Amino acid sequence: MHKLIFATNNQHKVDEIKSIPGINYEIISLKEAGINIDIPEPYNTLEENATEKSSVIYKLTGMDCFSEDTGLEVEALNGEPGVKSSRYAGEGKSFVHKDSIGEKNIEKLLFKMQGIENRNAQFRTVLSLMLNGTEYKFEGICKGIILAYNKGEGGFGYDPIFLPLGAQRTFAEMDMEEKNRFSHRKKVMDKLVDFLHNSTEKNK
């Protein structure tokens, strides 16, 4: 089976991707590929950061790979925290909502949302695929609202305060199968899977 390196150190993201059916590629994380680096995200857009990460790994390994950058974009805050979602309350490597970094990110967002009636928000993922030296980009969006308090113990990041449109439970209250019905990451991966499938068929 053809291998695709997922250019991330976030195991939660790797687990989400691997749970999606229909991927006829072996998805391996940076750790599984024996790569022990933190790739910087120096740019002000999800698109540029996604390109940076996939380009770095492709240049390093010469292997097909993909990366993604995801942001929570809150309408009333002009798109904040956006590209700074994982470091909204300060720099930090970890982004699990039960640790201090994740909790501080949520606390800062809820503080800024106090008294605001418009709770509309969206998770947006931009994926950069490096395939045979050429870059392809895909986007996935999940719309929803920001709750005023945490609900649920699962997931990571802002999952405990994000209620997807059409759902009755936050991402943090869902198991992986339920989350994949709404997830921005699932939507972008569906586009990736379709693209890879079509590319494989053309090359037969």
Protein backbone atom coordinates (compact mmCIF):
# COMPACT_ATOMS: atom_id res chain seq x y z
CA MET A 1 0.00 0.00 0.00
CA HIS A 2 1.29 3.44 -0.96
CA LYS A 3 2.41 5.54 2.01
CA LEU A 4 1.43 9.14 2.67
CA ILE A 5 3.16 11.06 5.43
CA PHE A 6 0.81 13.26 7.45
CA ALA A 7 3.00 16.22 8.42
CA THR A 8 1.84 16.67 12.01
CA ASN A 9 2.89 15.90 15.56
CA ASN A 10 -0.71 16.05 16.76
CA GLN A 11 -1.75 12.45 17.43
CA HIS A 12 -5.40 13.45 17.80
CA LYS A 13 -5.41 14.67 14.20
CA VAL A 14 -3.69 11.48 13.04
CA ASP A 15 -6.29 9.34 14.82
CA GLU A 16 -9.13 11.32 13.22
CA ILE A 17 -7.68 10.89 9.73
CA LYS A 18 -7.04 7.17 10.20
CA SER A 19 -10.64 6.66 11.36
CA ILE A 20 -12.02 7.84 8.01
CA PRO A 21 -13.01 4.91 5.76
CA GLY A 22 -12.10 4.63 2.11
CA ILE A 23 -8.47 5.79 2.30
CA ASN A 24 -6.48 3.30 0.22
CA TYR A 25 -3.19 4.72 1.40
CA GLU A 26 -1.18 3.98 4.51
CA ILE A 27 -1.23 7.21 6.52
CA ILE A 28 1.83 7.58 8.70
CA SER A 29 2.60 10.36 11.15
CA LEU A 30 5.89 12.21 11.43
CA LYS A 31 6.75 10.05 14.43
CA GLU A 32 5.99 6.85 12.52
CA ALA A 33 8.14 8.14 9.66
CA GLY A 34 11.02 8.70 12.09
CA ILE A 35 10.90 12.48 11.72
CA ASN A 36 11.38 14.38 14.96
CA ILE A 37 10.93 18.05 14.11
CA ASP A 38 8.48 20.82 14.89
CA ILE A 39 7.54 22.58 11.67
CA PRO A 40 6.99 26.31 12.18
CA GLU A 41 3.72 27.98 11.19
CA PRO A 42 5.06 31.48 10.46
CA TYR A 43 2.37 32.80 8.15
CA ASN A 44 -0.88 34.68 8.64
CA THR A 45 -3.08 32.33 6.60
CA LEU A 46 -4.04 28.68 6.92
CA GLU A 47 -3.17 28.21 3.24
CA GLU A 48 0.42 29.40 3.61
CA ASN A 49 1.06 27.40 6.77
CA ALA A 50 -0.30 24.21 5.19
CA THR A 51 2.00 24.71 2.20
CA GLU A 52 4.97 25.36 4.48
CA LYS A 53 4.50 22.10 6.37
CA SER A 54 3.99 19.84 3.35
CA SER A 55 6.88 21.47 1.47
CA VAL A 56 9.28 21.01 4.38
CA ILE A 57 8.50 17.30 4.69
CA TYR A 58 8.59 16.68 0.94
CA LYS A 59 12.00 18.37 0.65
CA LEU A 60 13.24 16.39 3.65
CA THR A 61 12.01 12.95 2.56
CA GLY A 62 11.13 13.07 -1.13
CA MET A 63 7.98 11.14 -0.21
CA ASP A 64 4.37 12.00 -0.99
CA CYS A 65 2.88 13.80 1.99
CA PHE A 66 0.16 16.12 3.12
CA SER A 67 -0.38 18.65 5.85
CA GLU A 68 -3.24 20.71 7.09
CA ASP A 69 -3.80 23.85 9.07
CA THR A 70 -7.07 24.35 10.87
CA GLY A 71 -8.57 27.41 12.45
CA LEU A 72 -11.69 28.21 14.43
CA GLU A 73 -13.14 31.35 12.86
CA VAL A 74 -15.65 33.27 14.98
CA GLU A 75 -17.87 35.65 13.04
CA ALA A 76 -18.30 38.27 15.78
CA LEU A 77 -14.54 38.39 16.37
CA ASN A 78 -13.70 39.04 12.72
CA GLY A 79 -12.42 35.51 12.22
CA GLU A 80 -10.45 35.12 15.45
CA PRO A 81 -8.74 33.02 16.62
CA GLY A 82 -8.27 31.74 13.06
CA VAL A 83 -4.71 30.91 12.13
CA LYS A 84 -3.67 31.43 15.76
CA SER A 85 -6.21 28.94 17.14
CA SER A 86 -3.67 26.59 18.73
CA ARG A 87 -1.72 29.43 20.35
CA TYR A 88 -4.50 31.93 21.00
CA ALA A 89 -3.57 32.39 24.65
CA GLY A 90 0.18 32.07 24.06
CA GLU A 91 2.77 29.81 22.50
CA GLY A 92 2.73 26.14 23.36
CA LYS A 93 3.26 22.78 21.69
CA SER A 94 0.35 20.92 23.23
CA PHE A 95 -3.25 21.45 22.22
CA VAL A 96 -5.40 19.05 24.22
CA HIS A 97 -8.29 20.78 25.97
CA LYS A 98 -7.54 19.11 29.31
CA ASP A 99 -4.06 20.65 29.56
CA SER A 100 -3.30 24.21 30.59
CA ILE A 101 -2.64 25.50 27.05
CA GLY A 102 -5.94 24.24 25.67
CA GLU A 103 -7.89 25.46 28.68
CA LYS A 104 -6.38 28.92 28.39
CA ASN A 105 -7.29 29.11 24.71
CA ILE A 106 -10.91 28.29 25.54
CA GLU A 107 -10.95 30.66 28.50
CA LYS A 108 -9.67 33.54 26.38
CA LEU A 109 -12.24 32.90 23.65
CA LEU A 110 -15.16 32.64 26.08
CA PHE A 111 -14.01 35.83 27.82
CA LYS A 112 -13.98 37.73 24.51
CA MET A 113 -17.41 36.32 23.66
CA GLN A 114 -19.06 37.56 26.85
CA GLY A 115 -22.20 39.54 26.09
CA ILE A 116 -22.07 38.76 22.37
CA GLU A 117 -25.31 37.35 20.95
CA ASN A 118 -23.88 36.30 17.59
CA ARG A 119 -22.24 32.95 18.37
CA ASN A 120 -21.76 31.85 14.75
CA ALA A 121 -18.42 30.23 13.99
CA GLN A 122 -16.80 27.71 11.72
CA PHE A 123 -13.91 25.31 11.77
CA ARG A 124 -11.96 25.59 8.51
CA THR A 125 -9.26 23.18 7.40
CA VAL A 126 -6.90 23.78 4.50
CA LEU A 127 -5.02 20.71 3.29
CA SER A 128 -1.86 20.78 1.17
CA LEU A 129 -0.95 17.58 -0.69
CA MET A 130 2.48 17.10 -2.22
CA LEU A 131 2.13 14.33 -4.80
CA ASN A 132 5.03 13.58 -7.15
CA GLY A 133 6.41 17.04 -6.47
CA THR A 134 3.22 18.94 -7.28
CA GLU A 135 1.06 20.69 -4.68
CA TYR A 136 -2.73 20.37 -4.57
CA LYS A 137 -4.98 22.16 -2.06
CA PHE A 138 -8.36 21.30 -0.56
CA GLU A 139 -10.68 22.96 1.96
CA GLY A 140 -13.21 21.64 4.47
CA ILE A 141 -15.61 23.72 6.57
CA CYS A 142 -17.90 22.87 9.49
CA LYS A 143 -20.27 25.63 10.57
CA GLY A 144 -21.68 25.87 14.08
CA ILE A 145 -21.96 28.01 17.17
CA ILE A 146 -19.81 28.75 20.23
CA LEU A 147 -21.37 27.73 23.54
CA ALA A 148 -20.92 29.78 26.69
CA TYR A 149 -19.52 26.81 28.63
CA ASN A 150 -17.73 23.49 28.13
CA LYS A 151 -19.73 20.38 27.31
CA GLY A 152 -18.08 16.98 26.98
CA GLU A 153 -14.81 15.33 27.91
CA GLY A 154 -13.60 14.02 24.54
CA GLY A 155 -11.99 15.57 21.52
CA PHE A 156 -9.34 18.26 21.70
CA GLY A 157 -8.86 21.96 21.15
CA TYR A 158 -12.11 23.92 21.11
CA ASP A 159 -14.29 20.80 20.78
CA PRO A 160 -16.01 21.27 24.18
CA ILE A 161 -17.48 24.66 23.19
CA PHE A 162 -18.27 24.03 19.51
CA LEU A 163 -21.74 22.82 18.55
CA PRO A 164 -21.89 21.89 14.83
CA LEU A 165 -24.85 23.09 12.77
CA GLY A 166 -27.55 20.41 12.86
CA ALA A 167 -26.04 18.58 15.84
CA GLN A 168 -27.35 18.20 19.38
CA ARG A 169 -23.96 17.56 20.96
CA THR A 170 -20.58 19.29 20.92
CA PHE A 171 -17.61 17.69 19.21
CA ALA A 172 -16.30 16.80 22.69
CA GLU A 173 -19.46 14.79 23.39
CA MET A 174 -19.24 12.77 20.19
CA ASP A 175 -17.41 9.56 19.44
CA MET A 176 -15.26 9.52 16.32
CA GLU A 177 -17.96 8.05 14.08
CA GLU A 178 -20.46 10.75 15.02
CA LYS A 179 -17.87 13.51 14.75
CA ASN A 180 -17.02 12.41 11.23
CA ARG A 181 -20.59 13.16 10.12
CA PHE A 182 -19.91 16.86 10.66
CA SER A 183 -16.15 17.30 10.81
CA HIS A 184 -14.29 19.82 8.69
CA ARG A 185 -11.37 17.41 8.68
CA LYS A 186 -13.59 14.60 7.36
CA LYS A 187 -14.88 16.88 4.60
CA VAL A 188 -11.41 17.86 3.45
CA MET A 189 -10.24 14.25 3.61
CA ASP A 190 -13.19 13.16 1.46
CA LYS A 191 -11.94 15.58 -1.20
CA LEU A 192 -8.42 14.21 -0.82
CA VAL A 193 -9.61 10.61 -1.09
CA ASP A 194 -11.62 11.37 -4.24
CA PHE A 195 -8.62 13.12 -5.77
CA LEU A 196 -6.24 10.27 -4.96
CA HIS A 197 -8.73 7.70 -6.26
CA ASN A 198 -9.14 9.58 -9.54
CA SER A 199 -5.36 10.00 -9.85
CA THR A 200 -4.85 6.27 -9.32
CA GLU A 201 -7.48 5.42 -11.93
CA LYS A 202 -5.87 7.74 -14.49
CA ASN A 203 -2.48 6.13 -13.97
CA LYS A 204 -3.71 2.58 -14.47
